[in-house]
């Protein structure tokens, strides 16, 4: 099983050790943090958006289509009870040189990235105390 380690730094800041990389999360000032880094929820949305972008790039490359201008914009709403991300909209931007007849297949591939699949077929999650 793969793993990620999270360490408390100070206040609402945490370091996330992912392989050889370290990321940081924080909370906005209005929520008691120092706004020095994205929130965990923003990283969650960023993870989904970058996974979609990765799958889109792979599709474009595999079919010798241009990757210039490829991007993904994510918008999301928060739900109140329980606190969660309630809606996400992902908009994939591609070059005008990508033919219209390839866009449906591109959308199908990008819509089935690993993170999106994990949301539509949720994993079992256990929170344990050591």
N, C-alpha and C. Protein backbone atom coordinates (compact mmCIF):
# COMPACT_ATOMS: atom_id res chain seq x y z
N UNK A 1 0.85 -1.18 0.00
CA UNK A 1 0.00 0.00 0.00
C UNK A 1 0.89 1.24 0.00
N UNK A 2 0.58 2.21 -0.84
CA UNK A 2 1.32 3.48 -0.87
C UNK A 2 0.97 4.30 0.36
N UNK A 3 1.82 5.27 0.69
CA UNK A 3 1.52 6.08 1.87
C UNK A 3 1.95 7.53 1.67
N UNK A 4 1.34 8.38 2.46
CA UNK A 4 1.62 9.81 2.53
C UNK A 4 1.71 10.12 4.02
N UNK A 5 2.65 10.95 4.43
CA UNK A 5 2.78 11.31 5.85
C UNK A 5 2.49 12.80 6.03
N UNK A 6 1.71 13.12 7.05
CA UNK A 6 1.35 14.50 7.36
C UNK A 6 1.91 14.85 8.73
N UNK A 7 2.59 16.00 8.81
CA UNK A 7 3.18 16.46 10.06
C UNK A 7 2.67 17.85 10.39
N UNK A 8 2.33 18.07 11.67
CA UNK A 8 1.92 19.40 12.12
C UNK A 8 3.14 20.30 12.16
N UNK A 9 3.01 21.51 11.62
CA UNK A 9 4.09 22.49 11.66
C UNK A 9 3.83 23.51 12.74
N UNK A 10 2.74 24.26 12.61
CA UNK A 10 2.32 25.23 13.60
C UNK A 10 0.93 25.72 13.21
N UNK A 11 0.19 26.21 14.18
CA UNK A 11 -1.15 26.72 13.89
C UNK A 11 -1.95 25.72 13.07
N UNK A 12 -2.46 26.15 11.93
CA UNK A 12 -3.22 25.28 11.03
C UNK A 12 -2.38 24.77 9.87
N UNK A 13 -1.05 24.92 9.95
CA UNK A 13 -0.17 24.47 8.86
C UNK A 13 0.31 23.05 9.10
N UNK A 14 0.30 22.29 8.01
CA UNK A 14 0.79 20.91 8.04
C UNK A 14 1.68 20.69 6.83
N UNK A 15 2.71 19.86 7.01
CA UNK A 15 3.57 19.43 5.90
C UNK A 15 3.08 18.06 5.47
N UNK A 16 3.08 17.85 4.17
CA UNK A 16 2.66 16.58 3.60
C UNK A 16 3.86 16.00 2.85
N UNK A 17 4.34 14.87 3.31
CA UNK A 17 5.46 14.20 2.65
C UNK A 17 4.89 13.17 1.68
N UNK A 18 5.14 13.42 0.39
CA UNK A 18 4.64 12.56 -0.68
C UNK A 18 5.85 12.11 -1.49
N UNK A 19 6.26 10.89 -1.32
CA UNK A 19 7.47 10.44 -2.00
C UNK A 19 8.64 11.32 -1.60
N UNK A 20 9.33 11.89 -2.58
CA UNK A 20 10.48 12.76 -2.32
C UNK A 20 10.06 14.23 -2.22
N UNK A 21 8.78 14.51 -2.18
CA UNK A 21 8.28 15.88 -2.21
C UNK A 21 7.58 16.24 -0.90
N UNK A 22 7.64 17.51 -0.56
CA UNK A 22 6.92 18.01 0.61
C UNK A 22 6.04 19.16 0.18
N UNK A 23 4.76 19.06 0.49
CA UNK A 23 3.78 20.11 0.23
C UNK A 23 3.32 20.66 1.57
N UNK A 24 2.71 21.81 1.55
CA UNK A 24 2.18 22.42 2.77
C UNK A 24 0.73 22.78 2.56
N UNK A 25 -0.06 22.64 3.62
CA UNK A 25 -1.44 23.13 3.62
C UNK A 25 -1.63 24.07 4.80
N UNK A 26 -2.60 24.96 4.67
CA UNK A 26 -2.92 25.94 5.71
C UNK A 26 -4.41 26.25 5.58
N UNK A 27 -4.88 27.16 6.34
CA UNK A 27 -6.26 27.63 6.27
C UNK A 27 -6.25 29.13 6.01
N UNK A 28 -7.33 29.67 5.45
CA UNK A 28 -7.41 31.11 5.24
C UNK A 28 -7.37 31.87 6.57
N UNK A 29 -6.97 33.11 6.52
CA UNK A 29 -6.91 33.94 7.72
C UNK A 29 -8.26 34.01 8.41
N UNK A 30 -9.34 34.16 7.61
CA UNK A 30 -10.68 34.27 8.22
C UNK A 30 -11.13 32.99 8.91
N UNK A 31 -10.43 31.88 8.66
CA UNK A 31 -10.74 30.62 9.33
C UNK A 31 -9.71 30.26 10.39
N UNK A 32 -8.84 31.22 10.74
CA UNK A 32 -7.87 31.00 11.81
C UNK A 32 -6.48 30.62 11.36
N UNK A 33 -6.28 30.44 10.06
CA UNK A 33 -4.95 30.10 9.56
C UNK A 33 -4.16 31.34 9.20
N UNK A 34 -3.05 31.12 8.51
CA UNK A 34 -2.20 32.23 8.07
C UNK A 34 -2.20 32.39 6.55
N UNK A 35 -2.95 31.54 5.85
CA UNK A 35 -3.07 31.58 4.39
C UNK A 35 -1.71 31.52 3.70
N UNK A 36 -0.83 30.62 4.19
CA UNK A 36 0.49 30.46 3.61
C UNK A 36 0.55 29.39 2.53
N UNK A 37 -0.55 28.65 2.38
CA UNK A 37 -0.58 27.54 1.43
C UNK A 37 -2.04 27.22 1.12
N UNK A 38 -2.29 26.38 0.12
CA UNK A 38 -3.67 25.99 -0.16
C UNK A 38 -4.26 25.22 1.00
N UNK A 39 -5.58 25.15 1.03
CA UNK A 39 -6.26 24.33 2.03
C UNK A 39 -6.27 22.88 1.55
N UNK A 40 -6.52 21.92 2.43
CA UNK A 40 -6.64 20.53 1.98
C UNK A 40 -7.73 20.37 0.92
N UNK A 41 -8.83 21.10 1.06
CA UNK A 41 -9.90 21.01 0.07
C UNK A 41 -9.44 21.52 -1.29
N UNK A 42 -8.69 22.62 -1.30
CA UNK A 42 -8.16 23.13 -2.56
C UNK A 42 -7.19 22.13 -3.20
N UNK A 43 -6.38 21.45 -2.38
CA UNK A 43 -5.48 20.43 -2.91
C UNK A 43 -6.27 19.26 -3.49
N UNK A 44 -7.38 18.91 -2.85
CA UNK A 44 -8.26 17.85 -3.34
C UNK A 44 -8.76 18.21 -4.74
N UNK A 45 -9.25 19.42 -4.91
CA UNK A 45 -9.75 19.87 -6.22
C UNK A 45 -8.59 19.95 -7.21
N UNK A 46 -7.43 20.45 -6.76
CA UNK A 46 -6.26 20.53 -7.63
C UNK A 46 -5.82 19.13 -8.08
N UNK A 47 -5.92 18.16 -7.20
CA UNK A 47 -5.58 16.78 -7.55
C UNK A 47 -6.49 16.27 -8.66
N UNK A 48 -7.77 16.52 -8.54
CA UNK A 48 -8.71 16.11 -9.57
C UNK A 48 -8.41 16.81 -10.89
N UNK A 49 -8.20 18.12 -10.84
CA UNK A 49 -7.95 18.89 -12.07
C UNK A 49 -6.66 18.46 -12.75
N UNK A 50 -5.61 18.23 -11.98
CA UNK A 50 -4.34 17.83 -12.59
C UNK A 50 -4.40 16.41 -13.13
N UNK A 51 -5.18 15.55 -12.51
CA UNK A 51 -5.35 14.19 -13.03
C UNK A 51 -6.08 14.24 -14.37
N UNK A 52 -7.13 15.05 -14.47
CA UNK A 52 -7.84 15.23 -15.74
C UNK A 52 -6.88 15.77 -16.79
N UNK A 53 -6.08 16.75 -16.42
CA UNK A 53 -5.11 17.34 -17.36
C UNK A 53 -4.10 16.30 -17.84
N UNK A 54 -3.63 15.48 -16.92
CA UNK A 54 -2.66 14.43 -17.26
C UNK A 54 -3.26 13.46 -18.28
N UNK A 55 -4.46 12.99 -18.02
CA UNK A 55 -5.11 12.05 -18.94
C UNK A 55 -5.38 12.72 -20.29
N UNK A 56 -5.77 13.98 -20.27
CA UNK A 56 -6.00 14.71 -21.52
C UNK A 56 -4.71 14.82 -22.32
N UNK A 57 -3.62 15.17 -21.65
CA UNK A 57 -2.33 15.28 -22.34
C UNK A 57 -1.90 13.95 -22.96
N UNK A 58 -2.09 12.88 -22.20
CA UNK A 58 -1.73 11.56 -22.71
C UNK A 58 -2.55 11.22 -23.96
N UNK A 59 -3.85 11.54 -23.94
CA UNK A 59 -4.69 11.28 -25.10
C UNK A 59 -4.19 12.09 -26.30
N UNK A 60 -3.96 13.38 -26.10
CA UNK A 60 -3.52 14.24 -27.19
C UNK A 60 -2.20 13.75 -27.77
N UNK A 61 -1.25 13.40 -26.92
CA UNK A 61 0.05 12.92 -27.37
C UNK A 61 -0.08 11.61 -28.13
N UNK A 62 -0.87 10.69 -27.59
CA UNK A 62 -1.06 9.38 -28.21
C UNK A 62 -1.64 9.51 -29.62
N UNK A 63 -2.44 10.54 -29.85
CA UNK A 63 -3.08 10.73 -31.16
C UNK A 63 -2.42 11.84 -31.98
N UNK A 64 -1.19 12.19 -31.61
CA UNK A 64 -0.42 13.22 -32.33
C UNK A 64 -1.19 14.51 -32.51
N UNK A 65 -1.88 14.92 -31.44
CA UNK A 65 -2.63 16.18 -31.44
C UNK A 65 -1.87 17.19 -30.59
N UNK A 66 -2.04 18.46 -30.84
CA UNK A 66 -1.26 19.48 -30.11
C UNK A 66 -1.63 19.56 -28.63
N UNK A 67 -0.61 19.68 -27.79
CA UNK A 67 -0.83 19.87 -26.35
C UNK A 67 -0.68 21.34 -25.95
N UNK A 68 -0.22 22.17 -26.87
CA UNK A 68 -0.06 23.59 -26.57
C UNK A 68 -1.42 24.16 -26.20
N UNK A 69 -1.45 24.92 -25.13
CA UNK A 69 -2.69 25.54 -24.68
C UNK A 69 -3.55 24.65 -23.81
N UNK A 70 -3.12 23.40 -23.58
CA UNK A 70 -3.90 22.50 -22.73
C UNK A 70 -3.96 23.05 -21.32
N UNK A 71 -5.14 23.07 -20.75
CA UNK A 71 -5.32 23.51 -19.37
C UNK A 71 -6.64 23.01 -18.83
N UNK A 72 -6.76 23.01 -17.53
CA UNK A 72 -8.00 22.62 -16.86
C UNK A 72 -8.30 23.66 -15.80
N UNK A 73 -9.53 24.15 -15.81
CA UNK A 73 -10.00 25.08 -14.78
C UNK A 73 -11.06 24.35 -13.97
N UNK A 74 -10.91 24.40 -12.66
CA UNK A 74 -11.87 23.74 -11.77
C UNK A 74 -12.61 24.77 -10.93
N UNK A 75 -13.90 24.60 -10.84
CA UNK A 75 -14.74 25.40 -9.96
C UNK A 75 -15.47 24.43 -9.03
N UNK A 76 -15.68 24.85 -7.79
CA UNK A 76 -16.36 23.94 -6.87
C UNK A 76 -17.20 24.71 -5.86
N UNK A 77 -18.22 24.03 -5.36
CA UNK A 77 -19.09 24.55 -4.31
C UNK A 77 -18.94 23.67 -3.09
N UNK A 78 -19.14 24.28 -1.94
CA UNK A 78 -19.09 23.54 -0.68
C UNK A 78 -20.50 23.25 -0.20
N UNK A 79 -20.70 22.05 0.34
CA UNK A 79 -21.95 21.68 0.98
C UNK A 79 -21.82 21.90 2.48
N UNK A 80 -22.95 22.03 3.14
CA UNK A 80 -22.93 22.37 4.57
C UNK A 80 -23.06 21.15 5.49
N UNK A 81 -23.93 20.22 5.17
CA UNK A 81 -24.20 19.15 6.12
C UNK A 81 -24.25 17.80 5.41
N UNK A 82 -23.21 17.00 5.49
CA UNK A 82 -21.96 17.26 6.18
C UNK A 82 -21.07 18.20 5.36
N UNK A 83 -20.09 18.79 6.01
CA UNK A 83 -19.15 19.68 5.33
C UNK A 83 -18.40 18.87 4.28
N UNK A 84 -18.48 19.34 3.02
CA UNK A 84 -17.89 18.59 1.93
C UNK A 84 -17.89 19.43 0.66
N UNK A 85 -17.18 18.98 -0.33
CA UNK A 85 -17.30 19.54 -1.68
C UNK A 85 -18.57 18.94 -2.25
N UNK A 86 -19.51 19.79 -2.65
CA UNK A 86 -20.80 19.29 -3.14
C UNK A 86 -20.89 19.24 -4.66
N UNK A 87 -20.21 20.14 -5.34
CA UNK A 87 -20.26 20.19 -6.80
C UNK A 87 -18.90 20.62 -7.34
N UNK A 88 -18.50 19.98 -8.43
CA UNK A 88 -17.24 20.33 -9.09
C UNK A 88 -17.51 20.42 -10.59
N UNK A 89 -16.99 21.47 -11.19
CA UNK A 89 -17.05 21.60 -12.65
C UNK A 89 -15.62 21.76 -13.15
N UNK A 90 -15.25 20.92 -14.09
CA UNK A 90 -13.92 20.96 -14.68
C UNK A 90 -14.06 21.33 -16.16
N UNK A 91 -13.32 22.33 -16.57
CA UNK A 91 -13.36 22.78 -17.96
C UNK A 91 -11.98 22.56 -18.57
N UNK A 92 -11.91 21.67 -19.56
CA UNK A 92 -10.67 21.36 -20.26
C UNK A 92 -10.55 22.29 -21.46
N UNK A 93 -9.44 22.99 -21.55
CA UNK A 93 -9.17 23.87 -22.67
C UNK A 93 -8.11 23.23 -23.55
N UNK A 94 -8.39 23.15 -24.85
CA UNK A 94 -7.43 22.60 -25.80
C UNK A 94 -7.28 23.56 -26.97
N UNK A 95 -6.26 23.32 -27.74
CA UNK A 95 -5.98 24.12 -28.92
C UNK A 95 -7.13 24.01 -29.92
N UNK A 96 -7.36 25.08 -30.66
CA UNK A 96 -8.35 25.05 -31.74
C UNK A 96 -7.96 24.03 -32.81
N UNK A 97 -6.70 23.63 -32.83
CA UNK A 97 -6.23 22.65 -33.81
C UNK A 97 -6.66 21.22 -33.49
N UNK A 98 -7.23 21.00 -32.30
CA UNK A 98 -7.76 19.67 -31.97
C UNK A 98 -9.11 19.54 -32.69
N UNK A 99 -9.23 18.59 -33.61
CA UNK A 99 -10.45 18.47 -34.40
C UNK A 99 -11.69 18.17 -33.55
N UNK A 100 -12.81 18.70 -33.99
CA UNK A 100 -14.09 18.50 -33.28
C UNK A 100 -14.40 17.02 -33.12
N UNK A 101 -14.07 16.22 -34.13
CA UNK A 101 -14.40 14.79 -34.06
C UNK A 101 -13.55 14.03 -33.04
N UNK A 102 -12.50 14.64 -32.49
CA UNK A 102 -11.66 14.01 -31.46
C UNK A 102 -12.05 14.44 -30.04
N UNK A 103 -12.85 15.46 -29.92
CA UNK A 103 -13.13 16.04 -28.60
C UNK A 103 -13.98 15.16 -27.70
N UNK A 104 -14.93 14.43 -28.25
CA UNK A 104 -15.76 13.53 -27.43
C UNK A 104 -14.91 12.42 -26.82
N UNK A 105 -14.01 11.86 -27.61
CA UNK A 105 -13.12 10.81 -27.10
C UNK A 105 -12.17 11.38 -26.06
N UNK A 106 -11.66 12.58 -26.32
CA UNK A 106 -10.80 13.25 -25.34
C UNK A 106 -11.54 13.44 -24.02
N UNK A 107 -12.77 13.90 -24.10
CA UNK A 107 -13.58 14.11 -22.89
C UNK A 107 -13.81 12.79 -22.16
N UNK A 108 -14.07 11.72 -22.90
CA UNK A 108 -14.29 10.41 -22.27
C UNK A 108 -13.05 9.94 -21.53
N UNK A 109 -11.88 10.11 -22.14
CA UNK A 109 -10.63 9.69 -21.50
C UNK A 109 -10.36 10.56 -20.27
N UNK A 110 -10.45 11.87 -20.43
CA UNK A 110 -10.15 12.79 -19.32
C UNK A 110 -11.12 12.59 -18.16
N UNK A 111 -12.36 12.21 -18.46
CA UNK A 111 -13.38 12.01 -17.42
C UNK A 111 -13.19 10.73 -16.64
N UNK A 112 -12.26 9.89 -17.06
CA UNK A 112 -12.04 8.63 -16.37
C UNK A 112 -10.62 8.54 -15.80
N UNK A 113 -10.12 9.69 -15.34
CA UNK A 113 -8.80 9.67 -14.71
C UNK A 113 -8.91 8.96 -13.36
N UNK A 114 -7.80 8.61 -12.80
CA UNK A 114 -7.75 7.85 -11.55
C UNK A 114 -8.47 8.56 -10.40
N UNK A 115 -8.27 9.86 -10.25
CA UNK A 115 -8.90 10.58 -9.15
C UNK A 115 -10.42 10.63 -9.35
N UNK A 116 -10.86 10.91 -10.57
CA UNK A 116 -12.30 10.93 -10.84
C UNK A 116 -12.91 9.55 -10.61
N UNK A 117 -12.23 8.51 -11.09
CA UNK A 117 -12.71 7.14 -10.83
C UNK A 117 -12.81 6.86 -9.34
N UNK A 118 -11.88 7.39 -8.56
CA UNK A 118 -11.90 7.18 -7.11
C UNK A 118 -13.08 7.88 -6.45
N UNK A 119 -13.56 8.96 -7.06
CA UNK A 119 -14.74 9.65 -6.54
C UNK A 119 -16.02 8.96 -6.94
N UNK A 120 -16.08 8.47 -8.17
CA UNK A 120 -17.30 7.82 -8.63
C UNK A 120 -17.42 6.39 -8.12
N UNK A 121 -16.31 5.80 -7.73
CA UNK A 121 -16.27 4.46 -7.12
C UNK A 121 -15.44 4.60 -5.84
N UNK A 122 -16.02 5.20 -4.80
CA UNK A 122 -15.22 5.59 -3.63
C UNK A 122 -14.53 4.42 -2.94
N UNK A 123 -13.31 4.68 -2.48
CA UNK A 123 -12.58 3.66 -1.74
C UNK A 123 -13.14 3.51 -0.33
N UNK A 124 -12.80 2.42 0.29
CA UNK A 124 -13.09 2.26 1.71
C UNK A 124 -12.11 3.13 2.47
N UNK A 125 -12.59 3.93 3.40
CA UNK A 125 -11.74 4.83 4.17
C UNK A 125 -11.90 4.49 5.65
N UNK A 126 -10.80 4.28 6.32
CA UNK A 126 -10.80 4.03 7.76
C UNK A 126 -9.91 5.08 8.42
N UNK A 127 -10.41 5.73 9.45
CA UNK A 127 -9.61 6.66 10.24
C UNK A 127 -9.35 5.96 11.58
N UNK A 128 -8.08 5.75 11.91
CA UNK A 128 -7.68 5.03 13.11
C UNK A 128 -6.85 5.95 14.00
N UNK A 129 -6.81 5.67 15.27
CA UNK A 129 -5.98 6.41 16.22
C UNK A 129 -4.88 5.48 16.73
N UNK A 130 -3.62 5.96 16.68
CA UNK A 130 -2.49 5.21 17.26
C UNK A 130 -2.19 5.75 18.63
